[in-house]
Amino acid sequence: MVRTLRPAVLMVMLAAGMDWGHAVQAQQPQPDPDWPCVQRKVGTLSAGVVWSGPDIATAGDWTKDFDTAAMAQKLASRRTPIEEVDGLLDGFVQQAGADKDIRLTRLFAGVLELVNEERDKILGGIGRYARGQNKLADRIRDESDKISAAKDSPGATGSKETEDLETQLKWDKRIFEERGRSLTYVCETPVLLERRLFDIARRIQQRL
C-alpha cells in the first residue's frame, strides 16, 4: 500500500524546495528484490504525493465530464510537450468559468488516474522483462556448464553437439547484453511519468 502525504506536509516540502523526486521517495515501499532497475520501484502514485489542492473525491467523476476527460487525456499523454501544458490549462480555465476550481480538481484526478494506468503497464512490463532476463541467465549458466563438462571429459574432442552449444551460448550472451543495455531506457520511463505528473499537478494548483 502506498503511503499518502497530508496536504500540509506536502506544502511544507514544496516550500522547502523539495522536488518531485523527494516527494515521490516519501511514499516508497520496501525494495523489491526482483526489481532490475537502478531507480527504486515506486508503485501506484497517490494524490497526496503531488497534490495539495481540494480533495479529488469531492470533484465528481472526471470521465463523465467530456471536456475535462479530453483535456486529461491530452495532458497525460507524453506526446503533448510539457511546454504546452500552461497554454492548454489557461484555455481550460477560461472555458470553465465559475466552475474553474472544481473542474481543475477533476482534471487532476483524471491525469492522476491516466498516468498511473500507464505506469502500471510499464512496471508490469519491466517485471516480465526481469523474469525473462533471469531465465536467460540461468540458461547461459547451464550452457556454460555443459560446455565445460564436455571439454573436461577424458578424451574430449570437438563434437558437433559442443560446437552447437558454443554457438547457442554466444547468441544467448549477445541477447542478454543487448537487453541489459536497453534496460536503461525502459527503467527511466516510470520516472519520467512521475516527473510529468508532478509538473502538471503543480501547474494546475497554480490556477486554483
C-alpha atoms as a PDB file:
ATOM      1  CA  MET A   1       0.000   0.000   0.000  1.00  0.00           C
ATOM      2  CA  VAL A   2       1.249   3.488  -0.808  1.00  0.00           C
ATOM      3  CA  ARG A   3       1.664   5.986   1.996  1.00  0.00           C
ATOM      4  CA  THR A   4      -0.113   9.285   1.330  1.00  0.00           C
ATOM      5  CA  LEU A   5       1.309  12.601   2.457  1.00  0.00           C
ATOM      6  CA  ARG A   6      -1.060  15.023   4.138  1.00  0.00           C
ATOM      7  CA  PRO A   7      -1.557  18.256   2.140  1.00  0.00           C
ATOM      8  CA  ALA A   8       0.027  20.363   4.869  1.00  0.00           C
ATOM      9  CA  VAL A   9       3.130  18.180   4.872  1.00  0.00           C
ATOM     10  CA  LEU A  10       3.343  18.334   1.098  1.00  0.00           C
ATOM     11  CA  MET A  11       3.108  22.110   1.114  1.00  0.00           C
ATOM     12  CA  VAL A  12       5.972  22.322   3.613  1.00  0.00           C
ATOM     13  CA  MET A  13       8.054  20.041   1.422  1.00  0.00           C
ATOM     14  CA  LEU A  14       7.384  22.120  -1.660  1.00  0.00           C
ATOM     15  CA  ALA A  15       8.002  25.380   0.169  1.00  0.00           C
ATOM     16  CA  ALA A  16      11.338  23.997   1.321  1.00  0.00           C
ATOM     17  CA  GLY A  17      12.318  23.451  -2.286  1.00  0.00           C
ATOM     18  CA  MET A  18      11.859  19.709  -2.449  1.00  0.00           C
ATOM     19  CA  ASP A  19      11.355  18.496  -5.989  1.00  0.00           C
ATOM     20  CA  TRP A  20       9.164  15.773  -7.404  1.00  0.00           C
ATOM     21  CA  GLY A  21      11.787  13.111  -6.705  1.00  0.00           C
ATOM     22  CA  HIS A  22      11.902  13.823  -2.981  1.00  0.00           C
ATOM     23  CA  ALA A  23       8.120  13.875  -2.780  1.00  0.00           C
ATOM     24  CA  VAL A  24       7.855  10.517  -4.542  1.00  0.00           C
ATOM     25  CA  GLN A  25      10.589   8.990  -2.351  1.00  0.00           C
ATOM     26  CA  ALA A  26       8.464   9.745   0.691  1.00  0.00           C
ATOM     27  CA  GLN A  27       5.955   7.072  -0.373  1.00  0.00           C
ATOM     28  CA  GLN A  28       8.411   4.388  -1.445  1.00  0.00           C
ATOM     29  CA  PRO A  29       7.699   0.847  -0.215  1.00  0.00           C
ATOM     30  CA  GLN A  30      10.278  -1.727   0.794  1.00  0.00           C
ATOM     31  CA  PRO A  31      12.661  -2.604  -2.074  1.00  0.00           C
ATOM     32  CA  ASP A  32      11.590  -5.381  -4.441  1.00  0.00           C
ATOM     33  CA  PRO A  33      14.448  -7.936  -4.595  1.00  0.00           C
ATOM     34  CA  ASP A  34      13.499  -8.852  -8.174  1.00  0.00           C
ATOM     35  CA  TRP A  35      13.421  -5.238  -9.392  1.00  0.00           C
ATOM     36  CA  PRO A  36      16.117  -4.879 -12.114  1.00  0.00           C
ATOM     37  CA  CYS A  37      16.376  -1.083 -12.299  1.00  0.00           C
ATOM     38  CA  VAL A  38      18.818   1.255 -10.580  1.00  0.00           C
ATOM     39  CA  GLN A  39      15.856   3.516  -9.819  1.00  0.00           C
ATOM     40  CA  ARG A  40      13.845   2.363  -6.815  1.00  0.00           C
ATOM     41  CA  LYS A  41      10.472   0.864  -7.613  1.00  0.00           C
ATOM     42  CA  VAL A  42       7.541   3.152  -6.789  1.00  0.00           C
ATOM     43  CA  GLY A  43       4.096   1.656  -7.271  1.00  0.00           C
ATOM     44  CA  THR A  44       0.809   3.458  -7.805  1.00  0.00           C
ATOM     45  CA  LEU A  45       1.182   7.183  -7.134  1.00  0.00           C
ATOM     46  CA  SER A  46      -1.301   8.646  -4.673  1.00  0.00           C
ATOM     47  CA  ALA A  47      -2.773  12.115  -4.987  1.00  0.00           C
ATOM     48  CA  GLY A  48      -1.271  13.208  -1.679  1.00  0.00           C
ATOM     49  CA  VAL A  49       2.259  12.805  -3.020  1.00  0.00           C
ATOM     50  CA  VAL A  50       1.909  15.607  -5.571  1.00  0.00           C
ATOM     51  CA  TRP A  51      -1.373  17.368  -4.773  1.00  0.00           C
ATOM     52  CA  SER A  52      -2.237  19.836  -2.010  1.00  0.00           C
ATOM     53  CA  GLY A  53      -5.441  21.128  -3.599  1.00  0.00           C
ATOM     54  CA  PRO A  54      -9.066  20.174  -2.875  1.00  0.00           C
ATOM     55  CA  ASP A  55      -9.978  16.558  -2.184  1.00  0.00           C
ATOM     56  CA  ILE A  56     -10.316  14.879  -5.578  1.00  0.00           C
ATOM     57  CA  ALA A  57     -13.017  12.582  -4.184  1.00  0.00           C
ATOM     58  CA  THR A  58     -15.367  15.567  -3.934  1.00  0.00           C
ATOM     59  CA  ALA A  59     -14.840  16.727  -7.522  1.00  0.00           C
ATOM     60  CA  GLY A  60     -17.062  14.165  -9.202  1.00  0.00           C
ATOM     61  CA  ASP A  61     -16.359  11.578 -11.885  1.00  0.00           C
ATOM     62  CA  TRP A  62     -13.933  13.101 -14.387  1.00  0.00           C
ATOM     63  CA  THR A  63     -14.858  10.521 -17.029  1.00  0.00           C
ATOM     64  CA  LYS A  64     -18.403  11.929 -17.186  1.00  0.00           C
ATOM     65  CA  ASP A  65     -17.167  15.451 -17.941  1.00  0.00           C
ATOM     66  CA  PHE A  66     -16.379  15.258 -21.665  1.00  0.00           C
ATOM     67  CA  ASP A  67     -14.202  18.365 -21.911  1.00  0.00           C
ATOM     68  CA  THR A  68     -12.306  17.523 -18.742  1.00  0.00           C
ATOM     69  CA  ALA A  69     -11.743  13.934 -19.847  1.00  0.00           C
ATOM     70  CA  ALA A  70     -10.427  15.089 -23.224  1.00  0.00           C
ATOM     71  CA  MET A  71      -8.050  17.543 -21.552  1.00  0.00           C
ATOM     72  CA  ALA A  72      -6.878  14.907 -19.060  1.00  0.00           C
ATOM     73  CA  GLN A  73      -6.050  12.561 -21.930  1.00  0.00           C
ATOM     74  CA  LYS A  74      -4.103  15.304 -23.678  1.00  0.00           C
ATOM     75  CA  LEU A  75      -2.149  16.361 -20.589  1.00  0.00           C
ATOM     76  CA  ALA A  76      -1.331  12.804 -19.512  1.00  0.00           C
ATOM     77  CA  SER A  77      -0.048  11.855 -22.961  1.00  0.00           C
ATOM     78  CA  ARG A  78       3.721  12.044 -23.366  1.00  0.00           C
ATOM     79  CA  ARG A  79       3.065  13.152 -26.932  1.00  0.00           C
ATOM     80  CA  THR A  80       1.993  16.513 -25.525  1.00  0.00           C
ATOM     81  CA  PRO A  81       5.137  18.573 -24.783  1.00  0.00           C
ATOM     82  CA  ILE A  82       5.225  19.777 -21.192  1.00  0.00           C
ATOM     83  CA  GLU A  83       5.878  23.277 -22.552  1.00  0.00           C
ATOM     84  CA  GLU A  84       2.354  23.315 -23.996  1.00  0.00           C
ATOM     85  CA  VAL A  85       0.628  22.487 -20.708  1.00  0.00           C
ATOM     86  CA  ASP A  86       0.360  26.083 -19.456  1.00  0.00           C
ATOM     87  CA  GLY A  87      -1.401  27.241 -22.608  1.00  0.00           C
ATOM     88  CA  LEU A  88      -3.784  24.289 -22.533  1.00  0.00           C
ATOM     89  CA  LEU A  89      -4.619  24.939 -18.888  1.00  0.00           C
ATOM     90  CA  ASP A  90      -5.214  28.640 -19.480  1.00  0.00           C
ATOM     91  CA  GLY A  91      -7.716  27.797 -22.210  1.00  0.00           C
ATOM     92  CA  PHE A  92      -9.380  25.215 -19.971  1.00  0.00           C
ATOM     93  CA  VAL A  93      -9.697  27.724 -17.101  1.00  0.00           C
ATOM     94  CA  GLN A  94     -11.228  30.335 -19.370  1.00  0.00           C
ATOM     95  CA  GLN A  95     -13.776  27.855 -20.666  1.00  0.00           C
ATOM     96  CA  ALA A  96     -14.596  26.556 -17.155  1.00  0.00           C
ATOM     97  CA  GLY A  97     -15.594  29.981 -15.840  1.00  0.00           C
ATOM     98  CA  ALA A  98     -17.094  29.966 -12.351  1.00  0.00           C
ATOM     99  CA  ASP A  99     -16.630  26.176 -12.105  1.00  0.00           C
ATOM    100  CA  LYS A 100     -12.877  26.585 -12.512  1.00  0.00           C
ATOM    101  CA  ASP A 101     -11.757  25.116  -9.185  1.00  0.00           C
ATOM    102  CA  ILE A 102     -13.909  22.007  -9.195  1.00  0.00           C
ATOM    103  CA  ARG A 103     -13.123  21.271 -12.833  1.00  0.00           C
ATOM    104  CA  LEU A 104      -9.394  21.768 -12.307  1.00  0.00           C
ATOM    105  CA  THR A 105      -9.569  19.352  -9.390  1.00  0.00           C
ATOM    106  CA  ARG A 106     -11.481  16.915 -11.559  1.00  0.00           C
ATOM    107  CA  LEU A 107      -8.876  17.407 -14.272  1.00  0.00           C
ATOM    108  CA  PHE A 108      -6.063  16.485 -11.911  1.00  0.00           C
ATOM    109  CA  ALA A 109      -7.971  13.367 -10.841  1.00  0.00           C
ATOM    110  CA  GLY A 110      -8.133  12.315 -14.485  1.00  0.00           C
ATOM    111  CA  VAL A 111      -4.455  12.970 -15.148  1.00  0.00           C
ATOM    112  CA  LEU A 112      -3.509  11.052 -11.998  1.00  0.00           C
ATOM    113  CA  GLU A 113      -5.562   8.019 -12.997  1.00  0.00           C
ATOM    114  CA  LEU A 114      -4.294   8.000 -16.580  1.00  0.00           C
ATOM    115  CA  VAL A 115      -0.645   8.383 -15.599  1.00  0.00           C
ATOM    116  CA  ASN A 116      -0.995   5.600 -13.040  1.00  0.00           C
ATOM    117  CA  GLU A 117      -2.578   3.325 -15.639  1.00  0.00           C
ATOM    118  CA  GLU A 118       0.345   3.866 -17.995  1.00  0.00           C
ATOM    119  CA  ARG A 119       2.920   3.443 -15.230  1.00  0.00           C
ATOM    120  CA  ASP A 120       1.291   0.223 -14.015  1.00  0.00           C
ATOM    121  CA  LYS A 121       1.543  -1.253 -17.511  1.00  0.00           C
ATOM    122  CA  ILE A 122       5.198  -0.247 -17.761  1.00  0.00           C
ATOM    123  CA  LEU A 123       6.021  -1.607 -14.302  1.00  0.00           C
ATOM    124  CA  GLY A 124       4.369  -4.891 -15.244  1.00  0.00           C
ATOM    125  CA  GLY A 125       6.402  -4.998 -18.444  1.00  0.00           C
ATOM    126  CA  ILE A 126       9.621  -4.369 -16.533  1.00  0.00           C
ATOM    127  CA  GLY A 127       8.745  -7.233 -14.194  1.00  0.00           C
ATOM    128  CA  ARG A 128       8.222  -9.600 -17.127  1.00  0.00           C
ATOM    129  CA  TYR A 129      11.436  -8.283 -18.680  1.00  0.00           C
ATOM    130  CA  ALA A 130      13.369  -9.050 -15.490  1.00  0.00           C
ATOM    131  CA  ARG A 131      11.943 -12.568 -15.238  1.00  0.00           C
ATOM    132  CA  GLY A 132      12.933 -13.189 -18.852  1.00  0.00           C
ATOM    133  CA  GLN A 133      16.468 -11.987 -18.154  1.00  0.00           C
ATOM    134  CA  ASN A 134      16.702 -14.258 -15.112  1.00  0.00           C
ATOM    135  CA  LYS A 135      15.624 -17.267 -17.162  1.00  0.00           C
ATOM    136  CA  LEU A 136      18.121 -16.392 -19.875  1.00  0.00           C
ATOM    137  CA  ALA A 137      20.893 -16.025 -17.281  1.00  0.00           C
ATOM    138  CA  ASP A 138      20.045 -19.498 -15.947  1.00  0.00           C
ATOM    139  CA  ARG A 139      20.216 -20.905 -19.474  1.00  0.00           C
ATOM    140  CA  ILE A 140      23.588 -19.253 -20.096  1.00  0.00           C
ATOM    141  CA  ARG A 141      24.978 -20.799 -16.903  1.00  0.00           C
ATOM    142  CA  ASP A 142      23.596 -24.194 -17.882  1.00  0.00           C
ATOM    143  CA  GLU A 143      25.113 -23.973 -21.367  1.00  0.00           C
ATOM    144  CA  SER A 144      28.477 -22.895 -19.941  1.00  0.00           C
ATOM    145  CA  ASP A 145      28.470 -25.817 -17.500  1.00  0.00           C
ATOM    146  CA  LYS A 146      27.663 -28.298 -20.263  1.00  0.00           C
ATOM    147  CA  ILE A 147      30.432 -26.939 -22.484  1.00  0.00           C
ATOM    148  CA  SER A 148      32.953 -27.073 -19.630  1.00  0.00           C
ATOM    149  CA  ALA A 149      31.928 -30.625 -18.743  1.00  0.00           C
ATOM    150  CA  ALA A 150      32.227 -31.737 -22.363  1.00  0.00           C
ATOM    151  CA  LYS A 151      35.693 -30.204 -22.755  1.00  0.00           C
ATOM    152  CA  ASP A 152      36.950 -31.568 -19.427  1.00  0.00           C
ATOM    153  CA  SER A 153      35.819 -35.129 -20.046  1.00  0.00           C
ATOM    154  CA  PRO A 154      38.555 -37.747 -20.738  1.00  0.00           C
ATOM    155  CA  GLY A 155      39.463 -37.954 -24.407  1.00  0.00           C
ATOM    156  CA  ALA A 156      37.256 -34.985 -25.226  1.00  0.00           C
ATOM    157  CA  THR A 157      37.272 -33.903 -28.844  1.00  0.00           C
ATOM    158  CA  GLY A 158      35.385 -31.160 -30.597  1.00  0.00           C
ATOM    159  CA  SER A 159      31.936 -32.590 -31.272  1.00  0.00           C
ATOM    160  CA  LYS A 160      29.029 -31.211 -33.248  1.00  0.00           C
ATOM    161  CA  GLU A 161      26.990 -31.030 -30.053  1.00  0.00           C
ATOM    162  CA  THR A 162      29.657 -28.953 -28.286  1.00  0.00           C
ATOM    163  CA  GLU A 163      30.003 -26.629 -31.267  1.00  0.00           C
ATOM    164  CA  ASP A 164      26.248 -26.126 -31.337  1.00  0.00           C
ATOM    165  CA  LEU A 165      26.238 -25.351 -27.611  1.00  0.00           C
ATOM    166  CA  GLU A 166      29.026 -22.797 -28.052  1.00  0.00           C
ATOM    167  CA  THR A 167      27.137 -21.126 -30.887  1.00  0.00           C
ATOM    168  CA  GLN A 168      23.955 -21.021 -28.820  1.00  0.00           C
ATOM    169  CA  LEU A 169      25.897 -19.658 -25.842  1.00  0.00           C
ATOM    170  CA  LYS A 170      27.304 -16.800 -27.927  1.00  0.00           C
ATOM    171  CA  TRP A 171      23.828 -15.856 -29.170  1.00  0.00           C
ATOM    172  CA  ASP A 172      22.294 -16.032 -25.715  1.00  0.00           C
ATOM    173  CA  LYS A 173      25.067 -13.848 -24.266  1.00  0.00           C
ATOM    174  CA  ARG A 174      24.583 -11.330 -27.044  1.00  0.00           C
ATOM    175  CA  ILE A 175      20.828 -11.181 -26.456  1.00  0.00           C
ATOM    176  CA  PHE A 176      21.352 -10.856 -22.702  1.00  0.00           C
ATOM    177  CA  GLU A 177      23.791  -7.965 -23.125  1.00  0.00           C
ATOM    178  CA  GLU A 178      21.580  -6.134 -25.641  1.00  0.00           C
ATOM    179  CA  ARG A 179      18.580  -6.434 -23.351  1.00  0.00           C
ATOM    180  CA  GLY A 180      20.681  -5.159 -20.469  1.00  0.00           C
ATOM    181  CA  ARG A 181      21.656  -2.059 -22.434  1.00  0.00           C
ATOM    182  CA  SER A 182      18.047  -1.313 -23.369  1.00  0.00           C
ATOM    183  CA  LEU A 183      17.041  -1.661 -19.718  1.00  0.00           C
ATOM    184  CA  THR A 184      18.419   1.815 -19.004  1.00  0.00           C
ATOM    185  CA  TYR A 185      15.741   3.438 -21.187  1.00  0.00           C
ATOM    186  CA  VAL A 186      12.968   1.133 -20.006  1.00  0.00           C
ATOM    187  CA  CYS A 187      13.715   1.859 -16.349  1.00  0.00           C
ATOM    188  CA  GLU A 188      13.710   5.608 -16.915  1.00  0.00           C
ATOM    189  CA  THR A 189      10.145   5.677 -18.265  1.00  0.00           C
ATOM    190  CA  PRO A 190       8.277   5.382 -14.924  1.00  0.00           C
ATOM    191  CA  VAL A 191      10.490   8.152 -13.527  1.00  0.00           C
ATOM    192  CA  LEU A 192       9.663  10.415 -16.466  1.00  0.00           C
ATOM    193  CA  LEU A 193       5.962   9.809 -15.863  1.00  0.00           C
ATOM    194  CA  GLU A 194       6.347  10.640 -12.164  1.00  0.00           C
ATOM    195  CA  ARG A 195       8.047  13.891 -13.098  1.00  0.00           C
ATOM    196  CA  ARG A 196       5.341  14.702 -15.638  1.00  0.00           C
ATOM    197  CA  LEU A 197       2.584  14.141 -13.094  1.00  0.00           C
ATOM    198  CA  PHE A 198       4.372  16.337 -10.554  1.00  0.00           C
ATOM    199  CA  ASP A 199       4.808  19.149 -13.096  1.00  0.00           C
ATOM    200  CA  ILE A 200       1.195  19.012 -14.252  1.00  0.00           C
ATOM    201  CA  ALA A 201      -0.136  18.940 -10.676  1.00  0.00           C
ATOM    202  CA  ARG A 202       1.939  21.997  -9.810  1.00  0.00           C
ATOM    203  CA  ARG A 203       0.685  23.911 -12.844  1.00  0.00           C
ATOM    204  CA  ILE A 204      -2.940  23.028 -12.110  1.00  0.00           C
ATOM    205  CA  GLN A 205      -2.605  24.133  -8.481  1.00  0.00           C
ATOM    206  CA  GLN A 206      -1.181  27.466  -9.580  1.00  0.00           C
ATOM    207  CA  ARG A 207      -4.543  28.169 -11.226  1.00  0.00           C
ATOM    208  CA  LEU A 208      -6.776  27.308  -8.276  1.00  0.00           C
END
